[in-house]
PDB file of N, CA and C in Angstrom:
ATOM      1  N   MET A   1      -6.055  22.070 -43.391  1.00  0.00           N
ATOM      2  CA  MET A   1      -5.337  22.823 -42.390  1.00  0.00           C
ATOM      3  C   MET A   1      -6.103  22.868 -41.072  1.00  0.00           C
ATOM      4  N   LYS A   2      -7.469  22.916 -41.140  1.00  0.00           N
ATOM      5  CA  LYS A   2      -8.259  22.988 -39.918  1.00  0.00           C
ATOM      6  C   LYS A   2      -8.066  21.744 -39.053  1.00  0.00           C
ATOM      7  N   ALA A   3      -7.879  20.590 -39.646  1.00  0.00           N
ATOM      8  CA  ALA A   3      -7.693  19.349 -38.898  1.00  0.00           C
ATOM      9  C   ALA A   3      -6.378  19.355 -38.141  1.00  0.00           C
ATOM     10  N   PHE A   4      -5.436  20.158 -38.550  1.00  0.00           N
ATOM     11  CA  PHE A   4      -4.119  20.216 -37.910  1.00  0.00           C
ATOM     12  C   PHE A   4      -4.188  20.877 -36.532  1.00  0.00           C
ATOM     13  N   TYR A   5      -5.023  21.906 -36.343  1.00  0.00           N
ATOM     14  CA  TYR A   5      -5.080  22.654 -35.090  1.00  0.00           C
ATOM     15  C   TYR A   5      -5.527  21.811 -33.896  1.00  0.00           C
ATOM     16  N   PRO A   6      -6.588  21.011 -34.002  1.00  0.00           N
ATOM     17  CA  PRO A   6      -6.943  20.161 -32.851  1.00  0.00           C
ATOM     18  C   PRO A   6      -5.832  19.164 -32.508  1.00  0.00           C
ATOM     19  N   LEU A   7      -5.169  18.658 -33.522  1.00  0.00           N
ATOM     20  CA  LEU A   7      -4.073  17.730 -33.302  1.00  0.00           C
ATOM     21  C   LEU A   7      -2.929  18.410 -32.565  1.00  0.00           C
ATOM     22  N   LEU A   8      -2.608  19.634 -32.953  1.00  0.00           N
ATOM     23  CA  LEU A   8      -1.553  20.410 -32.304  1.00  0.00           C
ATOM     24  C   LEU A   8      -1.928  20.700 -30.856  1.00  0.00           C
ATOM     25  N   LEU A   9      -3.172  21.048 -30.617  1.00  0.00           N
ATOM     26  CA  LEU A   9      -3.644  21.333 -29.264  1.00  0.00           C
ATOM     27  C   LEU A   9      -3.531  20.098 -28.373  1.00  0.00           C
ATOM     28  N   VAL A  10      -3.951  18.953 -28.864  1.00  0.00           N
ATOM     29  CA  VAL A  10      -3.869  17.706 -28.101  1.00  0.00           C
ATOM     30  C   VAL A  10      -2.415  17.357 -27.810  1.00  0.00           C
ATOM     31  N   ALA A  11      -1.534  17.494 -28.780  1.00  0.00           N
ATOM     32  CA  ALA A  11      -0.119  17.187 -28.594  1.00  0.00           C
ATOM     33  C   ALA A  11       0.509  18.112 -27.563  1.00  0.00           C
ATOM     34  N   THR A  12       0.175  19.387 -27.593  1.00  0.00           N
ATOM     35  CA  THR A  12       0.731  20.361 -26.650  1.00  0.00           C
ATOM     36  C   THR A  12       0.238  20.074 -25.225  1.00  0.00           C
ATOM     37  N   LEU A  13      -1.055  19.879 -25.070  1.00  0.00           N
ATOM     38  CA  LEU A  13      -1.605  19.598 -23.741  1.00  0.00           C
ATOM     39  C   LEU A  13      -1.100  18.264 -23.205  1.00  0.00           C
ATOM     40  N   GLY A  14      -1.038  17.277 -24.060  1.00  0.00           N
ATOM     41  CA  GLY A  14      -0.568  15.953 -23.642  1.00  0.00           C
ATOM     42  C   GLY A  14       0.862  15.984 -23.160  1.00  0.00           C
ATOM     43  N   SER A  15       1.729  16.701 -23.866  1.00  0.00           N
ATOM     44  CA  SER A  15       3.134  16.750 -23.452  1.00  0.00           C
ATOM     45  C   SER A  15       3.296  17.515 -22.152  1.00  0.00           C
ATOM     46  N   SER A  16       2.485  18.540 -21.913  1.00  0.00           N
ATOM     47  CA  SER A  16       2.602  19.282 -20.654  1.00  0.00           C
ATOM     48  C   SER A  16       2.110  18.436 -19.481  1.00  0.00           C
ATOM     49  N   LEU A  17       1.108  17.578 -19.698  1.00  0.00           N
ATOM     50  CA  LEU A  17       0.644  16.697 -18.634  1.00  0.00           C
ATOM     51  C   LEU A  17       1.694  15.659 -18.280  1.00  0.00           C
ATOM     52  N   ILE A  18       2.392  15.145 -19.280  1.00  0.00           N
ATOM     53  CA  ILE A  18       3.441  14.150 -19.029  1.00  0.00           C
ATOM     54  C   ILE A  18       4.565  14.772 -18.226  1.00  0.00           C
ATOM     55  N   VAL A  19       4.981  15.994 -18.566  1.00  0.00           N
ATOM     56  CA  VAL A  19       6.055  16.674 -17.834  1.00  0.00           C
ATOM     57  C   VAL A  19       5.629  16.915 -16.394  1.00  0.00           C
ATOM     58  N   ASN A  20       4.397  17.380 -16.183  1.00  0.00           N
ATOM     59  CA  ASN A  20       3.918  17.649 -14.824  1.00  0.00           C
ATOM     60  C   ASN A  20       3.785  16.370 -14.007  1.00  0.00           C
ATOM     61  N   ALA A  21       3.438  15.264 -14.642  1.00  0.00           N
ATOM     62  CA  ALA A  21       3.254  14.003 -13.928  1.00  0.00           C
ATOM     63  C   ALA A  21       4.577  13.422 -13.451  1.00  0.00           C
ATOM     64  N   THR A  22       5.677  13.764 -14.105  1.00  0.00           N
ATOM     65  CA  THR A  22       6.962  13.181 -13.724  1.00  0.00           C
ATOM     66  C   THR A  22       7.699  14.005 -12.688  1.00  0.00           C
ATOM     67  N   GLU A  23       7.301  15.229 -12.448  1.00  0.00           N
ATOM     68  CA  GLU A  23       7.976  16.077 -11.476  1.00  0.00           C
ATOM     69  C   GLU A  23       7.238  15.997 -10.141  1.00  0.00           C
ATOM     70  N   PRO A  24       7.952  15.721  -9.032  1.00  0.00           N
ATOM     71  CA  PRO A  24       7.284  15.690  -7.727  1.00  0.00           C
ATOM     72  C   PRO A  24       6.881  17.099  -7.304  1.00  0.00           C
ATOM     73  N   PRO A  25       5.774  17.225  -6.582  1.00  0.00           N
ATOM     74  CA  PRO A  25       5.371  18.540  -6.079  1.00  0.00           C
ATOM     75  C   PRO A  25       6.443  19.123  -5.164  1.00  0.00           C
ATOM     76  N   LYS A  26       6.519  20.425  -5.119  1.00  0.00           N
ATOM     77  CA  LYS A  26       7.506  21.111  -4.284  1.00  0.00           C
ATOM     78  C   LYS A  26       7.297  20.748  -2.817  1.00  0.00           C
ATOM     79  N   GLY A  27       8.374  20.495  -2.104  1.00  0.00           N
ATOM     80  CA  GLY A  27       8.306  20.196  -0.680  1.00  0.00           C
ATOM     81  C   GLY A  27       7.958  18.753  -0.364  1.00  0.00           C
ATOM     82  N   GLU A  28       7.796  17.914  -1.375  1.00  0.00           N
ATOM     83  CA  GLU A  28       7.449  16.516  -1.141  1.00  0.00           C
ATOM     84  C   GLU A  28       8.726  15.681  -1.125  1.00  0.00           C
ATOM     85  N   ILE A  29       8.828  14.791  -0.156  1.00  0.00           N
ATOM     86  CA  ILE A  29       9.981  13.905  -0.053  1.00  0.00           C
ATOM     87  C   ILE A  29       9.601  12.563  -0.644  1.00  0.00           C
ATOM     88  N   LEU A  30      10.379  12.105  -1.609  1.00  0.00           N
ATOM     89  CA  LEU A  30      10.111  10.820  -2.237  1.00  0.00           C
ATOM     90  C   LEU A  30      10.983   9.750  -1.582  1.00  0.00           C
ATOM     91  N   VAL A  31      10.348   8.652  -1.200  1.00  0.00           N
ATOM     92  CA  VAL A  31      11.067   7.517  -0.626  1.00  0.00           C
ATOM     93  C   VAL A  31      10.918   6.359  -1.597  1.00  0.00           C
ATOM     94  N   PRO A  32      12.034   5.838  -2.113  1.00  0.00           N
ATOM     95  CA  PRO A  32      11.934   4.736  -3.063  1.00  0.00           C
ATOM     96  C   PRO A  32      11.213   3.529  -2.459  1.00  0.00           C
ATOM     97  N   VAL A  33      10.494   2.808  -3.307  1.00  0.00           N
ATOM     98  CA  VAL A  33       9.775   1.617  -2.883  1.00  0.00           C
ATOM     99  C   VAL A  33      10.760   0.637  -2.263  1.00  0.00           C
ATOM    100  N   MET A  34      10.339  -0.063  -1.236  1.00  0.00           N
ATOM    101  CA  MET A  34      11.120  -1.055  -0.502  1.00  0.00           C
ATOM    102  C   MET A  34      12.182  -0.426   0.399  1.00  0.00           C
ATOM    103  N   GLN A  35      12.110   0.902   0.612  1.00  0.00           N
ATOM    104  CA  GLN A  35      13.034   1.555   1.522  1.00  0.00           C
ATOM    105  C   GLN A  35      12.271   2.340   2.584  1.00  0.00           C
ATOM    106  N   GLN A  36      10.998   1.979   2.812  1.00  0.00           N
ATOM    107  CA  GLN A  36      10.179   2.728   3.740  1.00  0.00           C
ATOM    108  C   GLN A  36      10.372   2.332   5.190  1.00  0.00           C
ATOM    109  N   GLY A  37      10.949   1.201   5.469  1.00  0.00           N
ATOM    110  CA  GLY A  37      11.042   0.777   6.860  1.00  0.00           C
ATOM    111  C   GLY A  37      12.167  -0.195   7.092  1.00  0.00           C
ATOM    112  N   ASP A  38      12.192  -0.714   8.296  1.00  0.00           N
ATOM    113  CA  ASP A  38      13.209  -1.665   8.721  1.00  0.00           C
ATOM    114  C   ASP A  38      12.831  -3.052   8.228  1.00  0.00           C
ATOM    115  N   HIS A  39      13.583  -3.563   7.267  1.00  0.00           N
ATOM    116  CA  HIS A  39      13.243  -4.853   6.669  1.00  0.00           C
ATOM    117  C   HIS A  39      13.729  -6.032   7.494  1.00  0.00           C
ATOM    118  N   SER A  40      14.379  -5.756   8.613  1.00  0.00           N
ATOM    119  CA  SER A  40      14.792  -6.853   9.483  1.00  0.00           C
ATOM    120  C   SER A  40      13.655  -7.281  10.404  1.00  0.00           C
ATOM    121  N   THR A  41      12.557  -6.515  10.414  1.00  0.00           N
ATOM    122  CA  THR A  41      11.398  -6.843  11.234  1.00  0.00           C
ATOM    123  C   THR A  41      10.742  -8.114  10.709  1.00  0.00           C
ATOM    124  N   LYS A  42      10.622  -9.116  11.561  1.00  0.00           N
ATOM    125  CA  LYS A  42       9.946 -10.363  11.184  1.00  0.00           C
ATOM    126  C   LYS A  42       8.436 -10.102  11.168  1.00  0.00           C
ATOM    127  N   MET A  43       7.775 -10.541  10.099  1.00  0.00           N
ATOM    128  CA  MET A  43       6.337 -10.335   9.964  1.00  0.00           C
ATOM    129  C   MET A  43       5.689 -11.616   9.459  1.00  0.00           C
ATOM    130  N   PRO A  44       4.359 -11.746   9.649  1.00  0.00           N
ATOM    131  CA  PRO A  44       3.645 -12.908   9.112  1.00  0.00           C
ATOM    132  C   PRO A  44       3.733 -12.952   7.595  1.00  0.00           C
ATOM    133  N   LYS A  45       3.596 -14.152   7.054  1.00  0.00           N
ATOM    134  CA  LYS A  45       3.641 -14.348   5.604  1.00  0.00           C
ATOM    135  C   LYS A  45       2.231 -14.575   5.059  1.00  0.00           C
ATOM    136  N   HIS A  46       2.079 -14.295   3.790  1.00  0.00           N
ATOM    137  CA  HIS A  46       0.817 -14.551   3.102  1.00  0.00           C
ATOM    138  C   HIS A  46       0.448 -16.026   3.284  1.00  0.00           C
ATOM    139  N   GLY A  47      -0.774 -16.284   3.701  1.00  0.00           N
ATOM    140  CA  GLY A  47      -1.240 -17.657   3.871  1.00  0.00           C
ATOM    141  C   GLY A  47      -1.187 -18.164   5.298  1.00  0.00           C
ATOM    142  N   ASP A  48      -0.505 -17.442   6.204  1.00  0.00           N
ATOM    143  CA  ASP A  48      -0.468 -17.857   7.611  1.00  0.00           C
ATOM    144  C   ASP A  48      -1.868 -17.754   8.213  1.00  0.00           C
ATOM    145  N   SER A  49      -2.202 -18.682   9.094  1.00  0.00           N
ATOM    146  CA  SER A  49      -3.498 -18.618   9.785  1.00  0.00           C
ATOM    147  C   SER A  49      -3.410 -17.634  10.944  1.00  0.00           C
ATOM    148  N   LYS A  50      -4.564 -17.224  11.463  1.00  0.00           N
ATOM    149  CA  LYS A  50      -4.581 -16.345  12.634  1.00  0.00           C
ATOM    150  C   LYS A  50      -3.896 -17.024  13.821  1.00  0.00           C
ATOM    151  N   GLN A  51      -4.108 -18.330  13.963  1.00  0.00           N
ATOM    152  CA  GLN A  51      -3.490 -19.071  15.057  1.00  0.00           C
ATOM    153  C   GLN A  51      -1.965 -19.050  14.933  1.00  0.00           C
ATOM    154  N   THR A  52      -1.448 -19.207  13.731  1.00  0.00           N
ATOM    155  CA  THR A  52       0.001 -19.160  13.496  1.00  0.00           C
ATOM    156  C   THR A  52       0.549 -17.782  13.855  1.00  0.00           C
ATOM    157  N   VAL A  53      -0.174 -16.737  13.474  1.00  0.00           N
ATOM    158  CA  VAL A  53       0.253 -15.364  13.792  1.00  0.00           C
ATOM    159  C   VAL A  53       0.250 -15.151  15.302  1.00  0.00           C
ATOM    160  N   LEU A  54      -0.796 -15.616  15.987  1.00  0.00           N
ATOM    161  CA  LEU A  54      -0.856 -15.493  17.449  1.00  0.00           C
ATOM    162  C   LEU A  54       0.310 -16.212  18.121  1.00  0.00           C
ATOM    163  N   GLU A  55       0.614 -17.407  17.663  1.00  0.00           N
ATOM    164  CA  GLU A  55       1.700 -18.182  18.263  1.00  0.00           C
ATOM    165  C   GLU A  55       3.054 -17.525  18.028  1.00  0.00           C
ATOM    166  N   ALA A  56       3.250 -16.934  16.854  1.00  0.00           N
ATOM    167  CA  ALA A  56       4.544 -16.343  16.515  1.00  0.00           C
ATOM    168  C   ALA A  56       4.733 -14.936  17.070  1.00  0.00           C
ATOM    169  N   PHE A  57       3.653 -14.146  17.164  1.00  0.00           N
ATOM    170  CA  PHE A  57       3.794 -12.733  17.513  1.00  0.00           C
ATOM    171  C   PHE A  57       3.016 -12.313  18.753  1.00  0.00           C
ATOM    172  N   GLY A  58       2.220 -13.205  19.316  1.00  0.00           N
ATOM    173  CA  GLY A  58       1.442 -12.873  20.506  1.00  0.00           C
ATOM    174  C   GLY A  58       0.188 -12.090  20.174  1.00  0.00           C
ATOM    175  N   GLU A  59      -0.463 -11.632  21.221  1.00  0.00           N
ATOM    176  CA  GLU A  59      -1.698 -10.852  21.062  1.00  0.00           C
ATOM    177  C   GLU A  59      -1.391  -9.499  20.437  1.00  0.00           C
ATOM    178  N   PRO A  60      -2.201  -9.060  19.466  1.00  0.00           N
ATOM    179  CA  PRO A  60      -1.992  -7.737  18.873  1.00  0.00           C
ATOM    180  C   PRO A  60      -2.398  -6.631  19.852  1.00  0.00           C
ATOM    181  N   LEU A  61      -1.914  -5.426  19.600  1.00  0.00           N
ATOM    182  CA  LEU A  61      -2.310  -4.272  20.407  1.00  0.00           C
ATOM    183  C   LEU A  61      -3.778  -3.932  20.176  1.00  0.00           C
ATOM    184  N   LYS A  62      -4.244  -4.177  18.937  1.00  0.00           N
ATOM    185  CA  LYS A  62      -5.620  -3.844  18.575  1.00  0.00           C
ATOM    186  C   LYS A  62      -6.100  -4.819  17.505  1.00  0.00           C
ATOM    187  N   LYS A  63      -7.359  -5.236  17.614  1.00  0.00           N
ATOM    188  CA  LYS A  63      -8.001  -6.062  16.595  1.00  0.00           C
ATOM    189  C   LYS A  63      -9.153  -5.262  15.997  1.00  0.00           C
ATOM    190  N   VAL A  64      -9.063  -5.009  14.709  1.00  0.00           N
ATOM    191  CA  VAL A  64     -10.129  -4.287  14.011  1.00  0.00           C
ATOM    192  C   VAL A  64     -11.063  -5.332  13.408  1.00  0.00           C
ATOM    193  N   PRO A  65     -12.365  -5.282  13.745  1.00  0.00           N
ATOM    194  CA  PRO A  65     -13.309  -6.297  13.266  1.00  0.00           C
ATOM    195  C   PRO A  65     -13.406  -6.355  11.741  1.00  0.00           C
ATOM    196  N   ALA A  66     -13.829  -7.502  11.251  1.00  0.00           N
ATOM    197  CA  ALA A  66     -13.962  -7.732   9.812  1.00  0.00           C
ATOM    198  C   ALA A  66     -15.082  -6.887   9.222  1.00  0.00           C
ATOM    199  N   VAL A  67     -14.852  -6.425   7.984  1.00  0.00           N
ATOM    200  CA  VAL A  67     -15.869  -5.693   7.220  1.00  0.00           C
ATOM    201  C   VAL A  67     -15.870  -6.207   5.795  1.00  0.00           C
ATOM    202  N   GLY A  68     -17.005  -6.058   5.129  1.00  0.00           N
ATOM    203  CA  GLY A  68     -17.098  -6.370   3.709  1.00  0.00           C
ATOM    204  C   GLY A  68     -17.287  -7.840   3.400  1.00  0.00           C
ATOM    205  N   VAL A  69     -17.335  -8.110   2.092  1.00  0.00           N
ATOM    206  CA  VAL A  69     -17.470  -9.465   1.581  1.00  0.00           C
ATOM    207  C   VAL A  69     -16.413  -9.641   0.504  1.00  0.00           C
ATOM    208  N   PRO A  70     -15.441 -10.478   0.676  1.00  0.00           N
ATOM    209  CA  PRO A  70     -15.189 -11.343   1.821  1.00  0.00           C
ATOM    210  C   PRO A  70     -14.766 -10.505   3.030  1.00  0.00           C
ATOM    211  N   PRO A  71     -14.951 -11.051   4.234  1.00  0.00           N
ATOM    212  CA  PRO A  71     -14.634 -10.282   5.437  1.00  0.00           C
ATOM    213  C   PRO A  71     -13.123 -10.063   5.591  1.00  0.00           C
ATOM    214  N   ILE A  72     -12.729  -8.791   5.680  1.00  0.00           N
ATOM    215  CA  ILE A  72     -11.323  -8.419   5.861  1.00  0.00           C
ATOM    216  C   ILE A  72     -11.172  -7.787   7.242  1.00  0.00           C
ATOM    217  N   SER A  73     -10.261  -8.342   8.043  1.00  0.00           N
ATOM    218  CA  SER A  73      -9.995  -7.791   9.371  1.00  0.00           C
ATOM    219  C   SER A  73      -8.529  -7.398   9.465  1.00  0.00           C
ATOM    220  N   ARG A  74      -8.188  -6.665  10.532  1.00  0.00           N
ATOM    221  CA  ARG A  74      -6.808  -6.203  10.705  1.00  0.00           C
ATOM    222  C   ARG A  74      -6.390  -6.347  12.164  1.00  0.00           C
ATOM    223  N   TRP A  75      -5.161  -6.788  12.361  1.00  0.00           N
ATOM    224  CA  TRP A  75      -4.553  -6.813  13.682  1.00  0.00           C
ATOM    225  C   TRP A  75      -3.377  -5.862  13.654  1.00  0.00           C
ATOM    226  N   ASP A  76      -3.325  -4.970  14.640  1.00  0.00           N
ATOM    227  CA  ASP A  76      -2.230  -4.006  14.730  1.00  0.00           C
ATOM    228  C   ASP A  76      -1.238  -4.427  15.799  1.00  0.00           C
ATOM    229  N   TYR A  77       0.017  -4.521  15.408  1.00  0.00           N
ATOM    230  CA  TYR A  77       1.126  -4.770  16.319  1.00  0.00           C
ATOM    231  C   TYR A  77       1.948  -3.489  16.404  1.00  0.00           C
ATOM    232  N   GLU A  78       2.977  -3.477  17.230  1.00  0.00           N
ATOM    233  CA  GLU A  78       3.778  -2.270  17.420  1.00  0.00           C
ATOM    234  C   GLU A  78       4.431  -1.798  16.115  1.00  0.00           C
ATOM    235  N   LYS A  79       5.022  -2.711  15.357  1.00  0.00           N
ATOM    236  CA  LYS A  79       5.778  -2.318  14.166  1.00  0.00           C
ATOM    237  C   LYS A  79       5.070  -2.606  12.845  1.00  0.00           C
ATOM    238  N   PHE A  80       3.984  -3.352  12.858  1.00  0.00           N
ATOM    239  CA  PHE A  80       3.308  -3.709  11.610  1.00  0.00           C
ATOM    240  C   PHE A  80       1.841  -4.002  11.860  1.00  0.00           C
ATOM    241  N   SER A  81       1.088  -4.076  10.755  1.00  0.00           N
ATOM    242  CA  SER A  81      -0.323  -4.475  10.781  1.00  0.00           C
ATOM    243  C   SER A  81      -0.476  -5.690   9.879  1.00  0.00           C
ATOM    244  N   VAL A  82      -1.409  -6.573  10.259  1.00  0.00           N
ATOM    245  CA  VAL A  82      -1.663  -7.786   9.488  1.00  0.00           C
ATOM    246  C   VAL A  82      -3.113  -7.753   9.018  1.00  0.00           C
ATOM    247  N   TYR A  83      -3.323  -7.991   7.735  1.00  0.00           N
ATOM    248  CA  TYR A  83      -4.661  -8.017   7.150  1.00  0.00           C
ATOM    249  C   TYR A  83      -5.046  -9.463   6.862  1.00  0.00           C
ATOM    250  N   PHE A  84      -6.253  -9.828   7.273  1.00  0.00           N
ATOM    251  CA  PHE A  84      -6.749 -11.196   7.107  1.00  0.00           C
ATOM    252  C   PHE A  84      -8.006 -11.214   6.254  1.00  0.00           C
ATOM    253  N   GLU A  85      -8.139 -12.256   5.453  1.00  0.00           N
ATOM    254  CA  GLU A  85      -9.406 -12.578   4.817  1.00  0.00           C
ATOM    255  C   GLU A  85      -9.878 -13.842   5.506  1.00  0.00           C
ATOM    256  N   ASN A  86     -11.000 -13.746   6.213  1.00  0.00           N
ATOM    257  CA  ASN A  86     -11.466 -14.818   7.085  1.00  0.00           C
ATOM    258  C   ASN A  86     -10.354 -15.136   8.087  1.00  0.00           C
ATOM    259  N   ASN A  87      -9.714 -16.289   7.973  1.00  0.00           N
ATOM    260  CA  ASN A  87      -8.711 -16.727   8.941  1.00  0.00           C
ATOM    261  C   ASN A  87      -7.289 -16.716   8.360  1.00  0.00           C
ATOM    262  N   ILE A  88      -7.132 -16.243   7.128  1.00  0.00           N
ATOM    263  CA  ILE A  88      -5.859 -16.347   6.411  1.00  0.00           C
ATOM    264  C   ILE A  88      -5.219 -14.977   6.200  1.00  0.00           C
ATOM    265  N   THR A  89      -3.896 -14.883   6.418  1.00  0.00           N
ATOM    266  CA  THR A  89      -3.155 -13.641   6.214  1.00  0.00           C
ATOM    267  C   THR A  89      -3.101 -13.277   4.741  1.00  0.00           C
ATOM    268  N   LEU A  90      -3.511 -12.052   4.432  1.00  0.00           N
ATOM    269  CA  LEU A  90      -3.382 -11.523   3.086  1.00  0.00           C
ATOM    270  C   LEU A  90      -2.060 -10.773   2.941  1.00  0.00           C
ATOM    271  N   HIS A  91      -1.834  -9.814   3.859  1.00  0.00           N
ATOM    272  CA  HIS A  91      -0.644  -8.963   3.811  1.00  0.00           C
ATOM    273  C   HIS A  91      -0.229  -8.583   5.235  1.00  0.00           C
ATOM    274  N   ALA A  92       1.051  -8.339   5.402  1.00  0.00           N
ATOM    275  CA  ALA A  92       1.569  -7.702   6.609  1.00  0.00           C
ATOM    276  C   ALA A  92       2.296  -6.449   6.141  1.00  0.00           C
ATOM    277  N   VAL A  93       2.013  -5.313   6.791  1.00  0.00           N
ATOM    278  CA  VAL A  93       2.519  -4.029   6.337  1.00  0.00           C
ATOM    279  C   VAL A  93       3.250  -3.330   7.473  1.00  0.00           C
ATOM    280  N   LEU A  94       4.494  -2.883   7.206  1.00  0.00           N
ATOM    281  CA  LEU A  94       5.264  -2.141   8.202  1.00  0.00           C
ATOM    282  C   LEU A  94       4.617  -0.798   8.471  1.00  0.00           C
ATOM    283  N   LYS A  95       4.679  -0.336   9.726  1.00  0.00           N
ATOM    284  CA  LYS A  95       4.205   1.012  10.059  1.00  0.00           C
ATOM    285  C   LYS A  95       5.349   1.993   9.838  1.00  0.00           C
ATOM    286  N   HIS A  96       5.006   3.254   9.651  1.00  0.00           N
ATOM    287  CA  HIS A  96       6.021   4.296   9.469  1.00  0.00           C
ATOM    288  C   HIS A  96       6.804   4.484  10.742  1.00  0.00           C
TER     289      HIS A  96
END
């Protein structure tokens, strides 16, 4: 019978954590994935070179220098940011 109590405690705590994890906090607005911005905005693609991005979108508003190994840099445009590893586009991300 003693072995049953720890099992009951774990089951009770575990189920309450699952319920709490699925409910959004009060006052929080949930935005479904892929609905955060205007998807008609043309952005660089993964694998584009910095030169290709410059030719297609012009000079960025801001260039954040590379950090880390491998070096990751960022260019900020009005509607999106582009992340580079060395000279190659990793991701382009829409701004809010």
